[in-house]
Protein backbone atom coordinates (compact mmCIF):
# COMPACT_ATOMS: atom_id res chain seq x y z
CA UNK A 1 4.14 22.01 -21.79
CA UNK A 2 4.91 19.49 -19.19
CA UNK A 3 5.51 15.90 -20.42
CA UNK A 4 4.94 13.46 -17.62
CA UNK A 5 4.38 9.97 -18.01
CA UNK A 6 2.89 7.39 -15.55
CA UNK A 7 6.26 6.42 -14.30
CA UNK A 8 6.82 10.11 -13.05
CA UNK A 9 3.39 10.44 -11.35
CA UNK A 10 4.34 7.16 -9.41
CA UNK A 11 7.68 8.41 -8.45
CA UNK A 12 6.24 11.89 -7.33
CA UNK A 13 3.88 9.83 -5.10
CA UNK A 14 6.49 7.88 -3.54
CA UNK A 15 9.07 10.87 -2.97
CA UNK A 16 6.40 13.20 -1.50
CA UNK A 17 6.45 13.78 2.16
CA UNK A 18 4.15 11.40 4.03
CA UNK A 19 0.88 13.26 5.10
CA UNK A 20 -0.56 12.63 8.37
CA UNK A 21 1.01 10.96 11.19
CA UNK A 22 4.45 9.45 11.37
CA UNK A 23 3.35 6.00 11.34
CA UNK A 24 6.57 4.35 12.11
CA UNK A 25 7.32 6.40 15.50
CA UNK A 26 3.57 6.19 16.25
CA UNK A 27 3.31 2.54 15.81
CA UNK A 28 6.52 2.13 17.86
CA UNK A 29 5.13 4.36 20.78
CA UNK A 30 1.78 2.20 20.69
CA UNK A 31 3.87 -1.08 21.19
CA UNK A 32 5.56 0.29 24.06
CA UNK A 33 1.95 1.49 25.67
CA UNK A 34 2.65 5.00 25.81
CA UNK A 35 -0.27 6.16 23.41
CA UNK A 36 -3.58 6.70 25.40
CA UNK A 37 -5.52 8.55 22.53
CA UNK A 38 -5.11 10.09 19.18
CA UNK A 39 -7.55 12.94 17.96
CA UNK A 40 -6.79 14.21 14.52
CA UNK A 41 -8.35 17.11 12.42
CA UNK A 42 -7.54 19.79 9.97
CA UNK A 43 -7.96 23.55 9.99
CA UNK A 44 -8.58 25.13 6.40
CA UNK A 45 -8.40 28.92 6.04
CA UNK A 46 -10.18 30.20 3.13
CA UNK A 47 -13.07 32.68 2.90
CA UNK A 48 -13.85 31.60 6.34
CA UNK A 49 -11.86 29.29 8.63
CA UNK A 50 -13.39 25.76 8.74
CA UNK A 51 -12.24 22.77 11.15
CA UNK A 52 -12.79 19.31 9.58
CA UNK A 53 -12.62 16.59 12.10
CA UNK A 54 -11.30 13.10 11.21
CA UNK A 55 -11.12 10.63 13.92
CA UNK A 56 -10.24 9.83 17.23
CA UNK A 57 -8.81 6.74 18.78
CA UNK A 58 -8.39 5.24 22.09
CA UNK A 59 -5.72 2.69 23.24
CA UNK A 60 -5.01 0.47 26.28
CA UNK A 61 -1.67 0.20 27.83
CA UNK A 62 -0.54 -2.58 25.75
CA UNK A 63 -1.01 -0.62 22.82
CA UNK A 64 -4.12 -2.35 21.56
CA UNK A 65 -6.92 0.01 20.10
CA UNK A 66 -10.03 -0.05 22.18
CA UNK A 67 -12.10 2.40 20.43
CA UNK A 68 -12.23 4.14 17.17
CA UNK A 69 -14.52 7.25 16.56
CA UNK A 70 -15.08 8.56 13.01
CA UNK A 71 -15.72 12.28 13.16
CA UNK A 72 -16.06 13.01 9.53
CA UNK A 73 -19.24 14.44 8.58
CA UNK A 74 -20.45 12.04 5.71
CA UNK A 75 -18.77 8.64 6.71
CA UNK A 76 -21.14 5.67 7.23
CA UNK A 77 -19.21 4.41 10.13
CA UNK A 78 -19.71 6.07 13.70
CA UNK A 79 -17.48 4.11 15.89
CA UNK A 80 -15.84 0.74 16.52
CA UNK A 81 -15.19 -0.76 19.85
CA UNK A 82 -12.67 -3.69 20.15
CA UNK A 83 -12.16 -6.03 23.27
CA UNK A 84 -9.14 -8.35 23.67
CA UNK A 85 -8.08 -11.47 25.76
CA UNK A 86 -5.10 -11.74 27.71
CA UNK A 87 -3.01 -12.64 24.90
CA UNK A 88 -3.89 -9.35 23.23
CA UNK A 89 -5.92 -11.09 20.84
CA UNK A 90 -9.12 -9.48 19.41
CA UNK A 91 -11.86 -11.50 20.76
CA UNK A 92 -14.93 -8.86 19.79
CA UNK A 93 -15.67 -5.76 17.44
CA UNK A 94 -18.67 -3.98 17.60
CA UNK A 95 -19.19 -1.63 14.57
CA UNK A 96 -21.47 1.42 15.02
CA UNK A 97 -22.89 2.53 11.68
CA UNK A 98 -24.90 5.78 10.65
CA UNK A 99 -28.09 4.82 8.61
CA UNK A 100 -29.76 7.79 6.94
CA UNK A 101 -33.49 7.73 7.92
CA UNK A 102 -35.97 7.52 4.99
CA UNK A 103 -38.40 9.46 6.88
CA UNK A 104 -36.25 12.24 8.08
CA UNK A 105 -33.32 14.12 7.83
CA UNK A 106 -32.04 12.40 11.15
CA UNK A 107 -29.39 9.61 11.02
CA UNK A 108 -30.30 6.40 12.96
CA UNK A 109 -27.40 4.05 14.29
CA UNK A 110 -27.14 0.57 14.28
CA UNK A 111 -24.42 -1.98 15.40
CA UNK A 112 -22.82 -5.01 13.93
CA UNK A 113 -20.77 -7.32 16.28
CA UNK A 114 -18.16 -9.81 15.18
CA UNK A 115 -16.64 -12.35 17.42
CA UNK A 116 -13.25 -13.88 17.04
CA UNK A 117 -12.21 -17.49 18.31
CA UNK A 118 -8.57 -19.02 18.51
CA UNK A 119 -7.15 -22.37 19.42
CA UNK A 120 -4.14 -23.08 21.51
CA UNK A 121 -1.47 -23.17 18.93
CA UNK A 122 -1.68 -20.29 16.55
CA UNK A 123 -2.01 -16.64 17.01
CA UNK A 124 -4.49 -16.08 14.26
CA UNK A 125 -8.30 -16.55 14.54
CA UNK A 126 -9.80 -19.88 13.57
CA UNK A 127 -13.36 -18.30 13.05
CA UNK A 128 -14.94 -14.77 12.66
CA UNK A 129 -18.51 -14.73 12.86
CA UNK A 130 -21.69 -12.53 13.71
CA UNK A 131 -23.87 -13.62 16.54
CA UNK A 132 -26.79 -14.49 14.57
CA UNK A 133 -24.60 -16.78 12.06
CA UNK A 134 -25.44 -14.69 8.97
CA UNK A 135 -21.90 -14.23 8.25
CA UNK A 136 -18.67 -16.36 9.01
CA UNK A 137 -15.20 -16.96 8.28
CA UNK A 138 -13.71 -20.26 9.51
CA UNK A 139 -9.66 -20.91 8.80
CA UNK A 140 -7.66 -24.29 9.13
CA UNK A 141 -4.20 -24.07 9.62
CA UNK A 142 -1.23 -26.76 9.43
CA UNK A 143 1.12 -27.58 12.05
CA UNK A 144 3.09 -24.37 11.19
CA UNK A 145 0.16 -22.20 11.62
CA UNK A 146 -0.03 -21.41 7.96
CA UNK A 147 -3.64 -20.99 6.64
CA UNK A 148 -4.49 -23.80 4.41
CA UNK A 149 -8.38 -23.30 3.97
CA UNK A 150 -10.80 -20.43 4.36
CA UNK A 151 -14.49 -20.62 3.94
CA UNK A 152 -16.77 -17.46 3.99
CA UNK A 153 -20.34 -17.83 4.28
CA UNK A 154 -22.79 -15.24 4.32
CA UNK A 155 -25.17 -13.44 2.09
CA UNK A 156 -26.53 -16.54 0.81
CA UNK A 157 -23.07 -17.61 -0.52
CA UNK A 158 -20.08 -19.61 0.31
CA UNK A 159 -16.52 -18.77 -0.86
CA UNK A 160 -13.73 -21.32 -0.16
CA UNK A 161 -9.99 -20.63 -0.46
CA UNK A 162 -7.43 -23.30 -0.38
CA UNK A 163 -3.53 -23.03 -0.29
CA UNK A 164 -0.88 -25.66 -0.79
CA UNK A 165 2.71 -25.34 0.44
CA UNK A 166 5.74 -26.92 -0.84
CA UNK A 167 8.65 -28.57 1.58
CA UNK A 168 10.33 -25.33 1.74
CA UNK A 169 6.95 -23.24 2.94
CA UNK A 170 6.27 -21.74 -0.18
CA UNK A 171 3.24 -21.32 -1.68
CA UNK A 172 2.76 -23.40 -4.92
CA UNK A 173 -1.13 -23.37 -5.50
CA UNK A 174 -4.12 -21.23 -4.19
CA UNK A 175 -7.56 -22.08 -5.41
CA UNK A 176 -10.91 -19.88 -5.16
CA UNK A 177 -14.23 -21.23 -5.28
CA UNK A 178 -17.15 -18.99 -5.54
CA UNK A 179 -19.89 -20.89 -6.93
CA UNK A 180 -20.48 -24.62 -7.55
CA UNK A 181 -18.22 -27.64 -6.95
CA UNK A 182 -15.21 -26.30 -9.51
CA UNK A 183 -12.92 -23.59 -8.49
CA UNK A 184 -13.31 -20.10 -10.36
CA UNK A 185 -9.78 -19.29 -10.21
CA UNK A 186 -6.45 -21.53 -9.51
CA UNK A 187 -3.15 -19.62 -8.95
CA UNK A 188 -0.09 -21.97 -9.59
CA UNK A 189 3.43 -21.05 -8.64
CA UNK A 190 6.37 -23.20 -10.11
CA UNK A 191 9.70 -22.92 -8.58
CA UNK A 192 12.92 -23.83 -10.40
CA UNK A 193 15.86 -23.36 -7.92
CA UNK A 194 18.36 -24.34 -10.45
CA UNK A 195 17.45 -21.43 -12.97
CA UNK A 196 16.28 -19.03 -10.17
CA UNK A 197 12.68 -18.65 -11.69
CA UNK A 198 9.16 -18.60 -10.56
CA UNK A 199 6.53 -19.22 -13.10
CA UNK A 200 3.20 -17.97 -12.04
CA UNK A 201 -0.07 -19.36 -13.96
CA UNK A 202 -3.70 -18.48 -13.39
CA UNK A 203 -6.22 -20.90 -14.76
CA UNK A 204 -10.04 -21.47 -14.23
CA UNK A 205 -11.18 -24.97 -14.02
CA UNK A 206 -14.80 -23.63 -13.75
CA UNK A 207 -14.40 -22.14 -17.46
CA UNK A 208 -11.69 -24.36 -18.38
CA UNK A 209 -9.50 -21.26 -19.54
CA UNK A 210 -6.25 -19.67 -18.75
CA UNK A 211 -5.93 -16.10 -17.86
CA UNK A 212 -2.41 -15.09 -16.82
CA UNK A 213 1.20 -16.14 -16.95
CA UNK A 214 4.28 -14.64 -15.74
CA UNK A 215 8.01 -16.05 -15.51
CA UNK A 216 9.91 -13.99 -13.04
CA UNK A 217 13.86 -14.50 -13.04
CA UNK A 218 15.91 -13.93 -9.86
CA UNK A 219 19.73 -13.15 -9.49
CA UNK A 220 22.01 -14.99 -6.98
CA UNK A 221 20.91 -12.13 -4.57
CA UNK A 222 17.37 -12.83 -5.08
CA UNK A 223 16.85 -9.42 -7.11
CA UNK A 224 14.12 -9.68 -9.91
CA UNK A 225 16.10 -9.26 -13.22
CA UNK A 226 13.47 -9.90 -15.50
CA UNK A 227 9.76 -10.45 -15.64
CA UNK A 228 7.96 -11.82 -18.64
CA UNK A 229 4.07 -11.45 -18.98
CA UNK A 230 2.44 -13.66 -21.49
CA UNK A 231 -0.92 -13.11 -23.52
CA UNK A 232 -2.48 -10.82 -20.54
CA UNK A 233 -6.10 -11.30 -22.08
CA UNK A 234 -7.69 -9.72 -18.84
CA UNK A 235 -4.94 -7.06 -18.06
CA UNK A 236 -6.27 -3.83 -16.56
CA UNK A 237 -7.71 -5.47 -13.35
CA UNK A 238 -10.56 -7.22 -15.03
CA UNK A 239 -12.10 -10.20 -12.73
CA UNK A 240 -14.04 -11.74 -15.62
CA UNK A 241 -13.06 -15.58 -15.21
CA UNK A 242 -14.58 -16.74 -18.30
CA UNK A 243 -12.18 -15.09 -20.57
CA UNK A 244 -8.85 -16.38 -21.50
CA UNK A 245 -7.40 -18.97 -23.75
CA UNK A 246 -8.04 -22.72 -23.72
CA UNK A 247 -4.17 -23.46 -23.82
CA UNK A 248 -1.64 -22.21 -21.40
CA UNK A 249 -0.24 -18.88 -22.81
CA UNK A 250 2.81 -18.68 -24.67
CA UNK A 251 2.93 -15.34 -26.69
CA UNK A 252 4.94 -12.69 -25.03
CA UNK A 253 3.02 -9.52 -24.15
CA UNK A 254 5.51 -7.57 -22.05
CA UNK A 255 9.11 -7.94 -20.72
CA UNK A 256 10.51 -5.94 -17.76
CA UNK A 257 14.33 -6.15 -17.39
CA UNK A 258 16.44 -4.77 -14.31
CA UNK A 259 19.88 -4.30 -14.04
CA UNK A 260 22.02 -3.87 -11.00
CA UNK A 261 25.45 -2.78 -10.03
CA UNK A 262 28.27 -4.63 -7.83
CA UNK A 263 26.45 -2.94 -4.71
CA UNK A 264 22.91 -4.60 -5.84
CA UNK A 265 21.41 -1.04 -6.74
CA UNK A 266 19.07 -0.81 -9.35
CA UNK A 267 20.89 1.04 -12.43
CA UNK A 268 18.38 0.52 -15.37
CA UNK A 269 14.73 -0.75 -15.79
CA UNK A 270 13.61 -1.44 -19.30
CA UNK A 271 10.24 -2.41 -20.78
CA UNK A 272 9.76 -4.26 -23.91
CA UNK A 273 6.70 -5.17 -25.74
CA UNK A 274 6.08 -8.55 -27.47
CA UNK A 275 8.21 -7.71 -30.36
CA UNK A 276 11.29 -6.71 -28.54
CA UNK A 277 10.80 -3.17 -28.99
CA UNK A 278 11.53 -0.77 -26.16
CA UNK A 279 8.62 0.87 -24.58
CA UNK A 280 10.07 2.61 -21.31
CA UNK A 281 13.60 2.80 -19.79
CA UNK A 282 14.86 4.16 -16.45
CA UNK A 283 18.54 4.88 -16.23
CA UNK A 284 19.99 5.36 -12.50
CA UNK A 285 23.19 7.11 -11.40
CA UNK A 286 24.48 7.16 -7.72
CA UNK A 287 27.40 9.26 -6.46
CA UNK A 288 30.47 8.19 -4.68
CA UNK A 289 28.35 7.72 -1.37
CA UNK A 290 26.10 5.46 -3.25
CA UNK A 291 23.39 7.71 -3.02
CA UNK A 292 20.88 8.51 -5.61
CA UNK A 293 22.40 11.30 -8.03
CA UNK A 294 20.29 11.36 -11.27
CA UNK A 295 17.45 9.41 -13.03
CA UNK A 296 16.76 9.51 -16.92
CA UNK A 297 13.47 8.45 -18.02
CA UNK A 298 12.93 7.30 -21.81
CA UNK A 299 9.90 6.61 -23.75
CA UNK A 300 9.99 4.69 -27.02
CA UNK A 301 13.90 5.46 -27.09
CA UNK A 302 13.37 9.24 -26.48
CA UNK A 303 14.36 10.82 -23.43
CA UNK A 304 11.26 12.26 -21.59
CA UNK A 305 13.07 14.00 -18.65
CA UNK A 306 15.58 13.43 -16.23
CA UNK A 307 15.95 14.11 -12.50
CA UNK A 308 18.78 15.62 -10.30
CA UNK A 309 19.22 14.65 -6.40
CA UNK A 310 21.62 16.04 -3.88
CA UNK A 311 22.20 14.66 -0.20
CA UNK A 312 23.57 15.71 2.82
CA UNK A 313 24.55 12.95 5.54
CA UNK A 314 22.36 10.49 3.73
CA UNK A 315 19.02 13.00 3.94
CA UNK A 316 17.82 14.00 0.37
CA UNK A 317 17.97 18.03 0.51
CA UNK A 318 16.99 18.89 -3.06
CA UNK A 319 15.39 17.26 -6.15
CA UNK A 320 15.07 18.92 -9.75
CA UNK A 321 13.45 17.90 -12.86
CA UNK A 322 14.50 18.82 -16.39
CA UNK A 323 12.95 18.55 -19.63
CA UNK A 324 15.32 17.69 -22.57
CA UNK A 325 17.42 20.42 -23.80
CA UNK A 326 16.07 22.63 -20.98
CA UNK A 327 18.62 24.27 -18.50
CA UNK A 328 15.84 25.55 -16.30
CA UNK A 329 14.26 22.85 -13.99
CA UNK A 330 10.50 22.02 -14.18
CA UNK A 331 10.50 22.13 -10.67
CA UNK A 332 12.58 22.09 -7.43
CA UNK A 333 11.76 20.13 -4.22
CA UNK A 334 13.95 21.25 -1.19
CA UNK A 335 13.79 19.47 2.37
CA UNK A 336 15.09 20.68 5.67
CA UNK A 337 15.52 18.35 8.53
CA UNK A 338 15.50 18.35 12.61
CA UNK A 339 18.59 17.63 14.66
CA UNK A 340 17.12 14.32 15.20
CA UNK A 341 16.71 13.89 11.20
CA UNK A 342 12.98 14.27 10.87
CA UNK A 343 11.56 16.10 8.01
CA UNK A 344 10.88 19.78 9.33
CA UNK A 345 10.04 21.44 5.91
CA UNK A 346 9.32 20.59 2.40
CA UNK A 347 9.19 23.12 -0.53
CA UNK A 348 8.21 22.75 -4.12
CA UNK A 349 8.86 25.28 -6.61
CA UNK A 350 6.88 25.00 -9.53
CA UNK A 351 6.45 27.59 -12.20
CA UNK A 352 5.51 30.83 -10.63
CA UNK A 353 4.08 29.20 -7.42
CA UNK A 354 5.90 27.93 -4.16
CA UNK A 355 4.35 25.25 -2.03
CA UNK A 356 5.39 24.57 1.56
CA UNK A 357 4.88 21.94 4.22
CA UNK A 358 6.21 22.64 7.71
CA UNK A 359 6.09 19.76 10.36
CA UNK A 360 6.20 20.01 14.21
CA UNK A 361 6.97 16.76 16.49
CA UNK A 362 6.48 16.19 20.09
CA UNK A 363 8.83 14.96 22.77
CA UNK A 364 8.01 11.22 21.57
CA UNK A 365 9.22 12.31 18.00
CA UNK A 366 5.50 11.80 16.84
CA UNK A 367 4.32 14.06 14.20
CA UNK A 368 1.79 16.40 15.65
CA UNK A 369 1.41 19.20 13.40
CA UNK A 370 1.46 19.87 9.56
CA UNK A 371 1.00 23.43 7.84
CA UNK A 372 0.34 23.83 4.30
CA UNK A 373 1.25 27.18 2.31
CA UNK A 374 0.98 28.54 -1.09
CA UNK A 375 3.10 31.33 -1.95
CA UNK A 376 3.47 32.17 1.61
CA UNK A 377 -0.26 32.10 2.48
CA UNK A 378 -1.32 29.43 4.78
CA UNK A 379 -4.18 27.14 3.50
CA UNK A 380 -4.47 24.26 5.95
CA UNK A 381 -3.11 22.86 9.22
CA UNK A 382 -3.31 19.25 10.11
CA UNK A 383 -3.43 18.56 13.86
CA UNK A 384 -2.68 15.45 15.64
CA UNK A 385 -3.41 15.55 19.39
CA UNK A 386 -1.78 12.63 21.35
CA UNK A 387 -2.44 11.76 24.82
CA UNK A 388 0.17 9.10 26.51
CA UNK A 389 -0.16 7.28 29.64
CA UNK A 390 1.79 8.49 32.73
């Protein structure tokens, strides 16, 4: 039986090939005004061939998105139309939505328009509002065009966010007020340049409780070498502001330690509980070319699994995962690349199954096709049709 931890799933997520369009190349081509339109869809092959349309985008010659059309069947958004000024700043956005009819199976369309205003100094909008005034966001900027205040009004509420910076331009406080006069939440950042530490404290003046506290310690090269979490009464994503402690948290809940080699590469990450007992540990080994060679994952001091990696010319070719005391890998991932260094094929060998992705690029090196196979059988083809300005 496979023993996967949460860390493993995160690593698999980040090591897997990127689905869909090669964003870096595509964004680059947009910025040069090459892309005129992008149409993406998928063809699935099962008992019958089915085509699933995703979206279509249109751009002007400055690379700005003029229109987005959502082609998916169940989306509430039909399309979005944007207009810009001569500085390529968006000045209006019209969003067309699909509203199911209560009296029939038909879908009605309505639109919601948003307008943007700017000042002469800053590139960001100073206000975003609907024409009837039901919704508006206003921003105040300092002399460096940093946001110091945001006020959002609409749906019968007013939300205010204020930001304070120090002389070095670092955020030292953020306050969030959702109801009444007292902020519901204040985020405080304390910098100690001599000790290379940053203390984060979350406090609710409205309920007079402290919610979170973390202390982050940095190395001389600005790598995080330790992060200490205190109390964490609302860990898990809770946004209940009235829960917490009446005094500043001082009980250690979790400590994360990071160790680097002389090349500033991470070689160990350790998680300790409040009693200094090891929870998780990752050990990282590099080869002579400073490429990732092996990772070992421990839980409560016991080896959970390890992964091996091989490279050629800086490109990862193979990845294997092994459970303790097993010579046969749990899975093998292999990669092939084009002469330009783009991923052309990804293969996962897992158990008795072989999963394959094949990629095709156009003359501008943008990804236009991805085919998915299982044991040699074609399952899906994702297609991106890109039209360019002449």
